Amino acid sequence: MRGTRRFSQAISEGDGISLLADVDGAPAARTAEAAGAAGVVIRTHVADARAGTDLPVLWACQGSVADAVADGADAYLLAAGGDDEPDIARRYSDAVESGLDCVVEVANEEHLQLVLDGLDPEILLLPGLGRADDARREFILGLLVDVPAGKLAIAELEGLERADVVELERAGVDAVIVPAEDVARLLGGERAEV
């Protein structure tokens, strides 16, 4: 069943940028799907998130690859540059061997290069969270320049407007993580093509 909801396919298909809804349960997942989200992101173990949607699920929880598979996830988020850096290659391999797409979050240019050299992932998460408002977009666009052609780039920013989404799309970002309640507004009346 997971093969029909592949995360990478959902964010690479279609003409425009995909919106990934950050959800906290089945009701938010259903709302995001109805609004046109291409996928959902869960950050804490939510037993009913999969029950709420047929969209691909990015599992961004603390826990193992086995936990993500058991929860019905389609993709697993792996953060590069943490305390468990020596363990990253094993967890990446575990995710891929388990049939999950592996999204690798990079915190800066150095982490991006290490990840590209060591893992060569298909999907990268470029986080703009925790930065000053005027530096968030510039940080992501700066990292995007170093993302090789053929890789999928996901941005994560707070407080986006439709114009921001359009700018990220023009720059080459494939998807952006947004709050579930913002999906309809950020699509600007256009449903995501999944």
N, C-alpha and C. Protein backbone atom coordinates (compact mmCIF):
# COMPACT_ATOMS: atom_id res chain seq x y z
N MET A 1 0.83 -1.21 0.00
CA MET A 1 0.00 0.00 0.00
C MET A 1 0.87 1.26 0.00
N ARG A 2 2.01 1.21 0.67
CA ARG A 2 2.87 2.37 0.74
C ARG A 2 3.36 2.78 -0.65
N GLY A 3 3.54 1.81 -1.55
CA GLY A 3 4.03 2.10 -2.89
C GLY A 3 3.12 3.02 -3.68
N THR A 4 1.84 3.07 -3.35
CA THR A 4 0.91 3.93 -4.08
C THR A 4 0.92 5.36 -3.55
N ARG A 5 1.59 5.61 -2.45
CA ARG A 5 1.60 6.94 -1.85
C ARG A 5 3.01 7.48 -1.70
N ARG A 6 3.90 7.08 -2.54
CA ARG A 6 5.30 7.46 -2.37
C ARG A 6 5.44 8.96 -2.21
N PHE A 7 6.15 9.33 -1.18
CA PHE A 7 6.33 10.73 -0.82
C PHE A 7 7.06 11.51 -1.92
N SER A 8 8.15 10.97 -2.42
CA SER A 8 8.91 11.68 -3.44
C SER A 8 8.08 11.93 -4.70
N GLN A 9 7.25 10.99 -5.07
CA GLN A 9 6.38 11.18 -6.24
C GLN A 9 5.39 12.30 -6.01
N ALA A 10 4.84 12.36 -4.81
CA ALA A 10 3.84 13.37 -4.50
C ALA A 10 4.40 14.78 -4.60
N ILE A 11 5.67 14.97 -4.22
CA ILE A 11 6.22 16.33 -4.27
C ILE A 11 6.92 16.65 -5.59
N SER A 12 7.15 15.64 -6.41
CA SER A 12 7.81 15.92 -7.68
C SER A 12 6.85 15.98 -8.86
N GLU A 13 5.66 15.41 -8.71
CA GLU A 13 4.68 15.43 -9.79
C GLU A 13 3.97 16.77 -9.86
N GLY A 14 3.41 17.06 -11.00
CA GLY A 14 2.67 18.30 -11.16
C GLY A 14 3.57 19.44 -11.59
N ASP A 15 2.95 20.55 -11.87
CA ASP A 15 3.68 21.70 -12.40
C ASP A 15 4.17 22.66 -11.33
N GLY A 16 3.51 22.68 -10.17
CA GLY A 16 3.84 23.69 -9.18
C GLY A 16 4.48 23.12 -7.93
N ILE A 17 4.68 24.00 -6.99
CA ILE A 17 5.23 23.63 -5.70
C ILE A 17 4.17 22.86 -4.90
N SER A 18 4.61 21.90 -4.12
CA SER A 18 3.69 21.12 -3.30
C SER A 18 3.68 21.67 -1.88
N LEU A 19 2.52 21.64 -1.27
CA LEU A 19 2.41 22.04 0.13
C LEU A 19 2.25 20.79 0.98
N LEU A 20 3.08 20.71 2.02
CA LEU A 20 3.03 19.62 2.98
C LEU A 20 2.47 20.17 4.28
N ALA A 21 1.37 19.61 4.72
CA ALA A 21 0.68 20.13 5.89
C ALA A 21 1.20 19.51 7.17
N ASP A 22 1.58 20.35 8.10
CA ASP A 22 2.00 19.93 9.43
C ASP A 22 0.73 19.66 10.22
N VAL A 23 0.48 18.38 10.57
CA VAL A 23 -0.79 18.01 11.20
C VAL A 23 -0.57 17.41 12.58
N ASP A 24 -1.63 17.45 13.39
CA ASP A 24 -1.56 16.89 14.73
C ASP A 24 -2.61 15.80 14.96
N GLY A 25 -3.15 15.25 13.88
CA GLY A 25 -4.13 14.18 14.01
C GLY A 25 -4.97 14.04 12.76
N ALA A 26 -5.89 13.07 12.81
CA ALA A 26 -6.72 12.75 11.65
C ALA A 26 -7.58 13.92 11.17
N PRO A 27 -8.23 14.70 12.06
CA PRO A 27 -9.04 15.81 11.55
C PRO A 27 -8.21 16.82 10.75
N ALA A 28 -7.04 17.18 11.24
CA ALA A 28 -6.19 18.13 10.51
C ALA A 28 -5.71 17.53 9.20
N ALA A 29 -5.42 16.24 9.19
CA ALA A 29 -4.98 15.57 7.97
C ALA A 29 -6.10 15.59 6.92
N ARG A 30 -7.33 15.32 7.34
CA ARG A 30 -8.47 15.35 6.41
C ARG A 30 -8.68 16.75 5.85
N THR A 31 -8.59 17.75 6.72
CA THR A 31 -8.76 19.14 6.29
C THR A 31 -7.68 19.53 5.28
N ALA A 32 -6.44 19.17 5.56
CA ALA A 32 -5.33 19.49 4.66
C ALA A 32 -5.50 18.81 3.31
N GLU A 33 -5.92 17.56 3.33
CA GLU A 33 -6.12 16.83 2.08
C GLU A 33 -7.22 17.50 1.25
N ALA A 34 -8.32 17.85 1.90
CA ALA A 34 -9.43 18.50 1.19
C ALA A 34 -9.01 19.86 0.62
N ALA A 35 -8.09 20.53 1.29
CA ALA A 35 -7.63 21.86 0.84
C ALA A 35 -6.62 21.77 -0.29
N GLY A 36 -6.06 20.59 -0.54
CA GLY A 36 -5.14 20.43 -1.65
C GLY A 36 -3.70 20.15 -1.28
N ALA A 37 -3.42 19.79 -0.04
CA ALA A 37 -2.05 19.44 0.35
C ALA A 37 -1.58 18.22 -0.43
N ALA A 38 -0.29 18.14 -0.68
CA ALA A 38 0.29 17.00 -1.39
C ALA A 38 0.75 15.91 -0.44
N GLY A 39 0.88 16.24 0.84
CA GLY A 39 1.32 15.29 1.85
C GLY A 39 1.15 15.90 3.22
N VAL A 40 1.37 15.08 4.25
CA VAL A 40 1.28 15.56 5.62
C VAL A 40 2.56 15.23 6.37
N VAL A 41 2.83 16.05 7.38
CA VAL A 41 3.99 15.87 8.25
C VAL A 41 3.46 15.68 9.66
N ILE A 42 3.92 14.61 10.31
CA ILE A 42 3.56 14.42 11.71
C ILE A 42 4.84 14.50 12.54
N ARG A 43 4.76 15.23 13.66
CA ARG A 43 5.95 15.47 14.48
C ARG A 43 5.91 14.72 15.82
N THR A 44 4.74 14.28 16.20
CA THR A 44 4.61 13.46 17.40
C THR A 44 3.79 12.25 17.03
N HIS A 45 4.03 11.16 17.73
CA HIS A 45 3.30 9.93 17.41
C HIS A 45 1.80 10.20 17.51
N VAL A 46 1.14 10.11 16.38
CA VAL A 46 -0.30 10.33 16.30
C VAL A 46 -0.90 9.10 15.65
N ALA A 47 -1.46 8.24 16.47
CA ALA A 47 -1.93 6.94 15.98
C ALA A 47 -2.97 7.06 14.87
N ASP A 48 -3.75 8.13 14.87
CA ASP A 48 -4.82 8.22 13.89
C ASP A 48 -4.49 9.10 12.68
N ALA A 49 -3.27 9.60 12.56
CA ALA A 49 -2.93 10.47 11.43
C ALA A 49 -3.08 9.73 10.11
N ARG A 50 -2.59 8.50 10.04
CA ARG A 50 -2.70 7.71 8.81
C ARG A 50 -4.17 7.43 8.50
N ALA A 51 -4.98 7.23 9.50
CA ALA A 51 -6.40 6.95 9.29
C ALA A 51 -7.12 8.16 8.70
N GLY A 52 -6.57 9.34 8.88
CA GLY A 52 -7.24 10.55 8.43
C GLY A 52 -6.97 10.94 7.00
N THR A 53 -6.05 10.25 6.31
CA THR A 53 -5.69 10.69 4.96
C THR A 53 -5.09 9.58 4.13
N ASP A 54 -5.22 9.72 2.83
CA ASP A 54 -4.53 8.84 1.89
C ASP A 54 -3.26 9.50 1.37
N LEU A 55 -2.99 10.73 1.81
CA LEU A 55 -1.79 11.44 1.38
C LEU A 55 -0.55 10.78 1.97
N PRO A 56 0.60 10.95 1.32
CA PRO A 56 1.84 10.44 1.89
C PRO A 56 2.15 11.13 3.21
N VAL A 57 2.72 10.38 4.14
CA VAL A 57 3.03 10.88 5.47
C VAL A 57 4.54 10.94 5.65
N LEU A 58 5.05 12.13 6.00
CA LEU A 58 6.44 12.31 6.40
C LEU A 58 6.48 12.20 7.91
N TRP A 59 7.17 11.20 8.41
CA TRP A 59 7.27 10.92 9.84
C TRP A 59 8.45 11.72 10.38
N ALA A 60 8.18 12.80 11.11
CA ALA A 60 9.21 13.69 11.65
C ALA A 60 9.26 13.59 13.17
N CYS A 61 8.89 12.44 13.69
CA CYS A 61 8.87 12.20 15.13
C CYS A 61 10.24 11.74 15.61
N GLN A 62 10.44 11.85 16.91
CA GLN A 62 11.61 11.21 17.51
C GLN A 62 11.31 9.72 17.53
N GLY A 63 12.23 8.94 17.09
CA GLY A 63 12.01 7.50 17.12
C GLY A 63 12.73 6.81 15.99
N SER A 64 12.55 5.52 15.95
CA SER A 64 13.27 4.69 14.99
C SER A 64 12.54 4.57 13.66
N VAL A 65 13.25 4.05 12.69
CA VAL A 65 12.65 3.75 11.40
C VAL A 65 11.54 2.72 11.58
N ALA A 66 11.75 1.75 12.45
CA ALA A 66 10.73 0.73 12.71
C ALA A 66 9.44 1.37 13.23
N ASP A 67 9.56 2.40 14.06
CA ASP A 67 8.38 3.11 14.56
C ASP A 67 7.64 3.78 13.40
N ALA A 68 8.39 4.39 12.49
CA ALA A 68 7.79 5.06 11.34
C ALA A 68 7.04 4.06 10.46
N VAL A 69 7.66 2.92 10.21
CA VAL A 69 7.02 1.88 9.39
C VAL A 69 5.75 1.38 10.08
N ALA A 70 5.83 1.15 11.39
CA ALA A 70 4.67 0.67 12.14
C ALA A 70 3.51 1.67 12.11
N ASP A 71 3.83 2.96 12.05
CA ASP A 71 2.80 3.99 12.00
C ASP A 71 2.27 4.23 10.59
N GLY A 72 2.79 3.51 9.60
CA GLY A 72 2.30 3.65 8.23
C GLY A 72 2.88 4.83 7.48
N ALA A 73 4.04 5.30 7.88
CA ALA A 73 4.67 6.44 7.21
C ALA A 73 5.16 6.06 5.82
N ASP A 74 5.31 7.06 4.99
CA ASP A 74 5.85 6.90 3.64
C ASP A 74 7.26 7.45 3.55
N ALA A 75 7.61 8.35 4.47
CA ALA A 75 8.93 8.98 4.46
C ALA A 75 9.37 9.20 5.90
N TYR A 76 10.68 9.26 6.07
CA TYR A 76 11.29 9.39 7.40
C TYR A 76 12.21 10.60 7.38
N LEU A 77 12.10 11.47 8.39
CA LEU A 77 12.95 12.65 8.48
C LEU A 77 14.17 12.33 9.31
N LEU A 78 15.33 12.62 8.75
CA LEU A 78 16.60 12.39 9.40
C LEU A 78 17.35 13.71 9.45
N ALA A 79 17.71 14.17 10.65
CA ALA A 79 18.42 15.44 10.80
C ALA A 79 19.92 15.21 10.78
N ALA A 80 20.61 15.88 9.89
CA ALA A 80 22.07 15.79 9.83
C ALA A 80 22.67 16.79 10.80
N GLY A 81 23.79 16.43 11.39
CA GLY A 81 24.50 17.36 12.25
C GLY A 81 24.14 17.28 13.71
N GLY A 82 23.40 16.28 14.11
CA GLY A 82 23.05 16.13 15.52
C GLY A 82 24.12 15.37 16.29
N ASP A 83 23.81 15.08 17.54
CA ASP A 83 24.73 14.33 18.38
C ASP A 83 24.96 12.90 17.89
N ASP A 84 24.01 12.38 17.10
CA ASP A 84 24.12 11.00 16.63
C ASP A 84 24.68 10.92 15.22
N GLU A 85 25.52 11.87 14.84
CA GLU A 85 26.08 11.92 13.49
C GLU A 85 26.69 10.58 13.03
N PRO A 86 27.45 9.87 13.87
CA PRO A 86 28.00 8.60 13.41
C PRO A 86 26.91 7.58 13.05
N ASP A 87 25.72 7.74 13.59
CA ASP A 87 24.62 6.81 13.38
C ASP A 87 23.79 7.16 12.15
N ILE A 88 24.04 8.28 11.52
CA ILE A 88 23.18 8.77 10.45
C ILE A 88 23.18 7.84 9.23
N ALA A 89 24.32 7.32 8.85
CA ALA A 89 24.38 6.44 7.69
C ALA A 89 23.57 5.17 7.90
N ARG A 90 23.63 4.61 9.12
CA ARG A 90 22.86 3.40 9.41
C ARG A 90 21.37 3.69 9.38
N ARG A 91 20.95 4.80 9.99
CA ARG A 91 19.51 5.12 10.00
C ARG A 91 19.01 5.44 8.60
N TYR A 92 19.83 6.11 7.80
CA TYR A 92 19.47 6.40 6.41
C TYR A 92 19.27 5.08 5.65
N SER A 93 20.22 4.18 5.79
CA SER A 93 20.14 2.88 5.13
C SER A 93 18.92 2.09 5.60
N ASP A 94 18.66 2.11 6.91
CA ASP A 94 17.49 1.42 7.46
C ASP A 94 16.19 1.96 6.83
N ALA A 95 16.09 3.27 6.70
CA ALA A 95 14.89 3.88 6.12
C ALA A 95 14.69 3.44 4.68
N VAL A 96 15.74 3.54 3.90
CA VAL A 96 15.64 3.18 2.48
C VAL A 96 15.33 1.69 2.32
N GLU A 97 16.01 0.84 3.10
CA GLU A 97 15.77 -0.61 3.02
C GLU A 97 14.37 -0.97 3.48
N SER A 98 13.76 -0.13 4.32
CA SER A 98 12.40 -0.38 4.80
C SER A 98 11.34 0.12 3.82
N GLY A 99 11.77 0.69 2.71
CA GLY A 99 10.83 1.17 1.70
C GLY A 99 10.35 2.59 1.91
N LEU A 100 11.00 3.32 2.82
CA LEU A 100 10.63 4.71 3.08
C LEU A 100 11.49 5.65 2.25
N ASP A 101 10.91 6.74 1.82
CA ASP A 101 11.72 7.84 1.31
C ASP A 101 12.39 8.45 2.53
N CYS A 102 13.64 8.87 2.38
CA CYS A 102 14.34 9.47 3.51
C CYS A 102 14.61 10.94 3.19
N VAL A 103 14.06 11.81 4.00
CA VAL A 103 14.25 13.26 3.87
C VAL A 103 15.34 13.63 4.86
N VAL A 104 16.41 14.25 4.37
CA VAL A 104 17.54 14.60 5.23
C VAL A 104 17.55 16.11 5.44
N GLU A 105 17.42 16.51 6.70
CA GLU A 105 17.44 17.93 7.07
C GLU A 105 18.88 18.38 7.24
N VAL A 106 19.22 19.49 6.59
CA VAL A 106 20.58 20.04 6.72
C VAL A 106 20.50 21.42 7.35
N ALA A 107 21.39 21.69 8.28
CA ALA A 107 21.34 22.93 9.06
C ALA A 107 22.17 24.05 8.46
N ASN A 108 23.14 23.71 7.61
CA ASN A 108 24.01 24.73 7.02
C ASN A 108 24.73 24.15 5.81
N GLU A 109 25.57 24.97 5.17
CA GLU A 109 26.28 24.54 3.97
C GLU A 109 27.21 23.36 4.24
N GLU A 110 27.87 23.37 5.40
CA GLU A 110 28.78 22.28 5.74
C GLU A 110 28.03 20.95 5.86
N HIS A 111 26.89 20.96 6.56
CA HIS A 111 26.09 19.74 6.68
C HIS A 111 25.58 19.29 5.32
N LEU A 112 25.18 20.24 4.49
CA LEU A 112 24.69 19.89 3.16
C LEU A 112 25.77 19.15 2.39
N GLN A 113 26.99 19.65 2.39
CA GLN A 113 28.06 19.01 1.65
C GLN A 113 28.39 17.63 2.21
N LEU A 114 28.42 17.51 3.55
CA LEU A 114 28.69 16.22 4.17
C LEU A 114 27.61 15.19 3.82
N VAL A 115 26.37 15.63 3.82
CA VAL A 115 25.25 14.74 3.49
C VAL A 115 25.31 14.33 2.02
N LEU A 116 25.59 15.27 1.14
CA LEU A 116 25.68 14.94 -0.28
C LEU A 116 26.82 13.97 -0.54
N ASP A 117 27.95 14.19 0.10
CA ASP A 117 29.12 13.32 -0.09
C ASP A 117 28.91 11.94 0.52
N GLY A 118 28.30 11.90 1.72
CA GLY A 118 28.20 10.64 2.45
C GLY A 118 26.97 9.82 2.16
N LEU A 119 25.83 10.47 1.91
CA LEU A 119 24.58 9.74 1.74
C LEU A 119 23.97 9.86 0.35
N ASP A 120 24.16 11.00 -0.27
CA ASP A 120 23.57 11.31 -1.58
C ASP A 120 22.05 11.10 -1.57
N PRO A 121 21.33 11.76 -0.64
CA PRO A 121 19.88 11.57 -0.56
C PRO A 121 19.14 12.21 -1.73
N GLU A 122 17.96 11.69 -2.00
CA GLU A 122 17.11 12.24 -3.06
C GLU A 122 16.37 13.49 -2.58
N ILE A 123 16.05 13.56 -1.27
CA ILE A 123 15.22 14.65 -0.75
C ILE A 123 15.93 15.35 0.40
N LEU A 124 15.99 16.67 0.32
CA LEU A 124 16.63 17.48 1.36
C LEU A 124 15.62 18.45 1.95
N LEU A 125 15.69 18.63 3.27
CA LEU A 125 14.88 19.63 3.96
C LEU A 125 15.78 20.80 4.32
N LEU A 126 15.41 21.98 3.86
CA LEU A 126 16.15 23.22 4.12
C LEU A 126 15.33 24.04 5.11
N PRO A 127 15.71 24.01 6.40
CA PRO A 127 14.88 24.67 7.41
C PRO A 127 15.23 26.14 7.59
N GLY A 128 14.20 26.97 7.61
CA GLY A 128 14.40 28.38 7.89
C GLY A 128 13.90 28.76 9.26
N LEU A 129 13.45 27.78 10.03
CA LEU A 129 12.91 28.06 11.36
C LEU A 129 14.02 28.50 12.31
N GLY A 130 13.66 29.34 13.26
CA GLY A 130 14.61 29.76 14.27
C GLY A 130 15.56 30.85 13.83
N ARG A 131 15.35 31.41 12.67
CA ARG A 131 16.19 32.49 12.18
C ARG A 131 15.37 33.78 12.18
N ALA A 132 16.06 34.90 12.15
CA ALA A 132 15.37 36.19 12.08
C ALA A 132 14.54 36.25 10.80
N ASP A 133 13.40 36.94 10.87
CA ASP A 133 12.48 37.00 9.73
C ASP A 133 13.16 37.34 8.42
N ASP A 134 14.04 38.33 8.43
CA ASP A 134 14.65 38.77 7.17
C ASP A 134 15.73 37.81 6.68
N ALA A 135 16.18 36.86 7.49
CA ALA A 135 17.24 35.95 7.10
C ALA A 135 16.73 34.57 6.71
N ARG A 136 15.48 34.27 7.01
CA ARG A 136 14.97 32.92 6.78
C ARG A 136 14.98 32.53 5.31
N ARG A 137 14.35 33.34 4.49
CA ARG A 137 14.24 33.03 3.06
C ARG A 137 15.62 33.05 2.41
N GLU A 138 16.46 34.02 2.79
CA GLU A 138 17.79 34.12 2.21
C GLU A 138 18.63 32.89 2.55
N PHE A 139 18.48 32.39 3.77
CA PHE A 139 19.20 31.19 4.18
C PHE A 139 18.81 30.01 3.29
N ILE A 140 17.51 29.81 3.11
CA ILE A 140 17.04 28.69 2.29
C ILE A 140 17.49 28.86 0.85
N LEU A 141 17.35 30.05 0.30
CA LEU A 141 17.76 30.27 -1.09
C LEU A 141 19.27 30.09 -1.24
N GLY A 142 20.04 30.46 -0.22
CA GLY A 142 21.48 30.25 -0.25
C GLY A 142 21.85 28.78 -0.26
N LEU A 143 21.16 27.97 0.54
CA LEU A 143 21.39 26.53 0.54
C LEU A 143 20.94 25.89 -0.77
N LEU A 144 19.84 26.39 -1.31
CA LEU A 144 19.27 25.83 -2.53
C LEU A 144 20.26 25.88 -3.70
N VAL A 145 21.08 26.91 -3.73
CA VAL A 145 22.07 27.06 -4.79
C VAL A 145 23.01 25.85 -4.83
N ASP A 146 23.29 25.26 -3.67
CA ASP A 146 24.22 24.13 -3.59
C ASP A 146 23.55 22.77 -3.69
N VAL A 147 22.23 22.73 -3.86
CA VAL A 147 21.52 21.47 -4.03
C VAL A 147 21.64 21.07 -5.50
N PRO A 148 22.23 19.90 -5.77
CA PRO A 148 22.41 19.47 -7.16
C PRO A 148 21.09 19.28 -7.90
N ALA A 149 21.13 19.46 -9.20
CA ALA A 149 19.97 19.20 -10.04
C ALA A 149 19.55 17.75 -9.86
N GLY A 150 18.27 17.52 -9.86
CA GLY A 150 17.75 16.17 -9.70
C GLY A 150 17.39 15.82 -8.27
N LYS A 151 17.82 16.62 -7.31
CA LYS A 151 17.44 16.41 -5.91
C LYS A 151 16.16 17.18 -5.64
N LEU A 152 15.36 16.71 -4.70
CA LEU A 152 14.14 17.41 -4.31
C LEU A 152 14.44 18.23 -3.06
N ALA A 153 13.99 19.48 -3.07
CA ALA A 153 14.23 20.38 -1.94
C ALA A 153 12.90 20.78 -1.31
N ILE A 154 12.84 20.61 0.01
CA ILE A 154 11.68 21.02 0.80
C ILE A 154 12.12 22.16 1.69
N ALA A 155 11.35 23.22 1.72
CA ALA A 155 11.64 24.36 2.61
C ALA A 155 10.67 24.32 3.78
N GLU A 156 11.15 24.84 4.91
CA GLU A 156 10.28 24.97 6.07
C GLU A 156 10.45 26.36 6.64
N LEU A 157 9.39 27.15 6.53
CA LEU A 157 9.38 28.54 7.00
C LEU A 157 8.10 28.83 7.74
N GLU A 158 8.15 29.78 8.65
CA GLU A 158 6.95 30.21 9.36
C GLU A 158 6.40 31.48 8.71
N GLY A 159 5.11 31.71 8.90
CA GLY A 159 4.50 32.97 8.49
C GLY A 159 4.52 33.26 7.01
N LEU A 160 4.37 32.23 6.19
CA LEU A 160 4.41 32.42 4.74
C LEU A 160 3.13 33.06 4.21
N GLU A 161 3.30 33.82 3.17
CA GLU A 161 2.19 34.35 2.38
C GLU A 161 2.26 33.70 1.00
N ARG A 162 1.21 33.85 0.22
CA ARG A 162 1.17 33.25 -1.13
C ARG A 162 2.36 33.72 -1.97
N ALA A 163 2.74 34.98 -1.87
CA ALA A 163 3.87 35.51 -2.64
C ALA A 163 5.18 34.80 -2.26
N ASP A 164 5.34 34.44 -1.00
CA ASP A 164 6.53 33.71 -0.56
C ASP A 164 6.58 32.33 -1.20
N VAL A 165 5.44 31.66 -1.25
CA VAL A 165 5.37 30.33 -1.86
C VAL A 165 5.73 30.41 -3.34
N VAL A 166 5.21 31.43 -4.02
CA VAL A 166 5.51 31.62 -5.44
C VAL A 166 7.01 31.88 -5.63
N GLU A 167 7.60 32.69 -4.77
CA GLU A 167 9.04 32.97 -4.87
C GLU A 167 9.87 31.70 -4.66
N LEU A 168 9.50 30.90 -3.68
CA LEU A 168 10.21 29.65 -3.43
C LEU A 168 10.08 28.70 -4.62
N GLU A 169 8.90 28.65 -5.20
CA GLU A 169 8.69 27.81 -6.38
C GLU A 169 9.57 28.27 -7.54
N ARG A 170 9.61 29.55 -7.79
CA ARG A 170 10.45 30.09 -8.88
C ARG A 170 11.93 29.81 -8.66
N ALA A 171 12.34 29.76 -7.39
CA ALA A 171 13.75 29.51 -7.07
C ALA A 171 14.12 28.03 -7.22
N GLY A 172 13.11 27.16 -7.29
CA GLY A 172 13.39 25.74 -7.47
C GLY A 172 13.05 24.85 -6.31
N VAL A 173 12.38 25.38 -5.29
CA VAL A 173 11.94 24.56 -4.17
C VAL A 173 10.76 23.70 -4.64
N ASP A 174 10.81 22.42 -4.30
CA ASP A 174 9.77 21.49 -4.75
C ASP A 174 8.57 21.43 -3.82
N ALA A 175 8.79 21.67 -2.52
CA ALA A 175 7.70 21.59 -1.55
C ALA A 175 8.02 22.48 -0.37
N VAL A 176 6.97 22.86 0.35
CA VAL A 176 7.15 23.66 1.56
C VAL A 176 6.23 23.12 2.64
N ILE A 177 6.75 23.03 3.85
CA ILE A 177 5.96 22.57 5.00
C ILE A 177 5.25 23.77 5.60
N VAL A 178 3.93 23.65 5.76
CA VAL A 178 3.11 24.74 6.28
C VAL A 178 2.12 24.19 7.29
N PRO A 179 1.59 25.05 8.17
CA PRO A 179 0.53 24.59 9.07
C PRO A 179 -0.68 24.12 8.26
N ALA A 180 -1.34 23.08 8.73
CA ALA A 180 -2.49 22.51 8.01
C ALA A 180 -3.55 23.55 7.70
N GLU A 181 -3.78 24.45 8.64
CA GLU A 181 -4.84 25.44 8.45
C GLU A 181 -4.50 26.50 7.40
N ASP A 182 -3.24 26.55 6.94
CA ASP A 182 -2.82 27.54 5.95
C ASP A 182 -2.82 27.02 4.52
N VAL A 183 -3.06 25.73 4.31
CA VAL A 183 -2.94 25.14 2.99
C VAL A 183 -3.82 25.84 1.96
N ALA A 184 -5.11 25.97 2.22
CA ALA A 184 -6.02 26.57 1.25
C ALA A 184 -5.62 28.00 0.91
N ARG A 185 -5.27 28.78 1.92
CA ARG A 185 -4.89 30.17 1.70
C ARG A 185 -3.61 30.27 0.86
N LEU A 186 -2.65 29.41 1.13
CA LEU A 186 -1.37 29.48 0.42
C LEU A 186 -1.42 28.93 -0.99
N LEU A 187 -2.38 28.07 -1.26
CA LEU A 187 -2.54 27.60 -2.62
C LEU A 187 -3.17 28.67 -3.51
N GLY A 188 -3.72 29.68 -2.90
CA GLY A 188 -4.29 30.78 -3.68
C GLY A 188 -5.41 30.35 -4.58
N GLY A 189 -6.24 29.42 -4.10
CA GLY A 189 -7.38 28.98 -4.90
C GLY A 189 -7.04 27.85 -5.84
N GLU A 190 -5.76 27.43 -5.91
CA GLU A 190 -5.37 26.33 -6.77
C GLU A 190 -5.10 25.11 -5.91
N ARG A 191 -5.71 23.99 -6.27
CA ARG A 191 -5.44 22.74 -5.55
C ARG A 191 -4.10 22.21 -6.00
N ALA A 192 -3.37 21.58 -5.06
CA ALA A 192 -2.09 20.97 -5.41
C ALA A 192 -2.32 19.83 -6.38
N GLU A 193 -1.42 19.66 -7.33
CA GLU A 193 -1.51 18.54 -8.25
C GLU A 193 -0.72 17.40 -7.67
N VAL A 194 -1.42 16.35 -7.30
CA VAL A 194 -0.76 15.21 -6.66
C VAL A 194 -0.72 14.06 -7.62
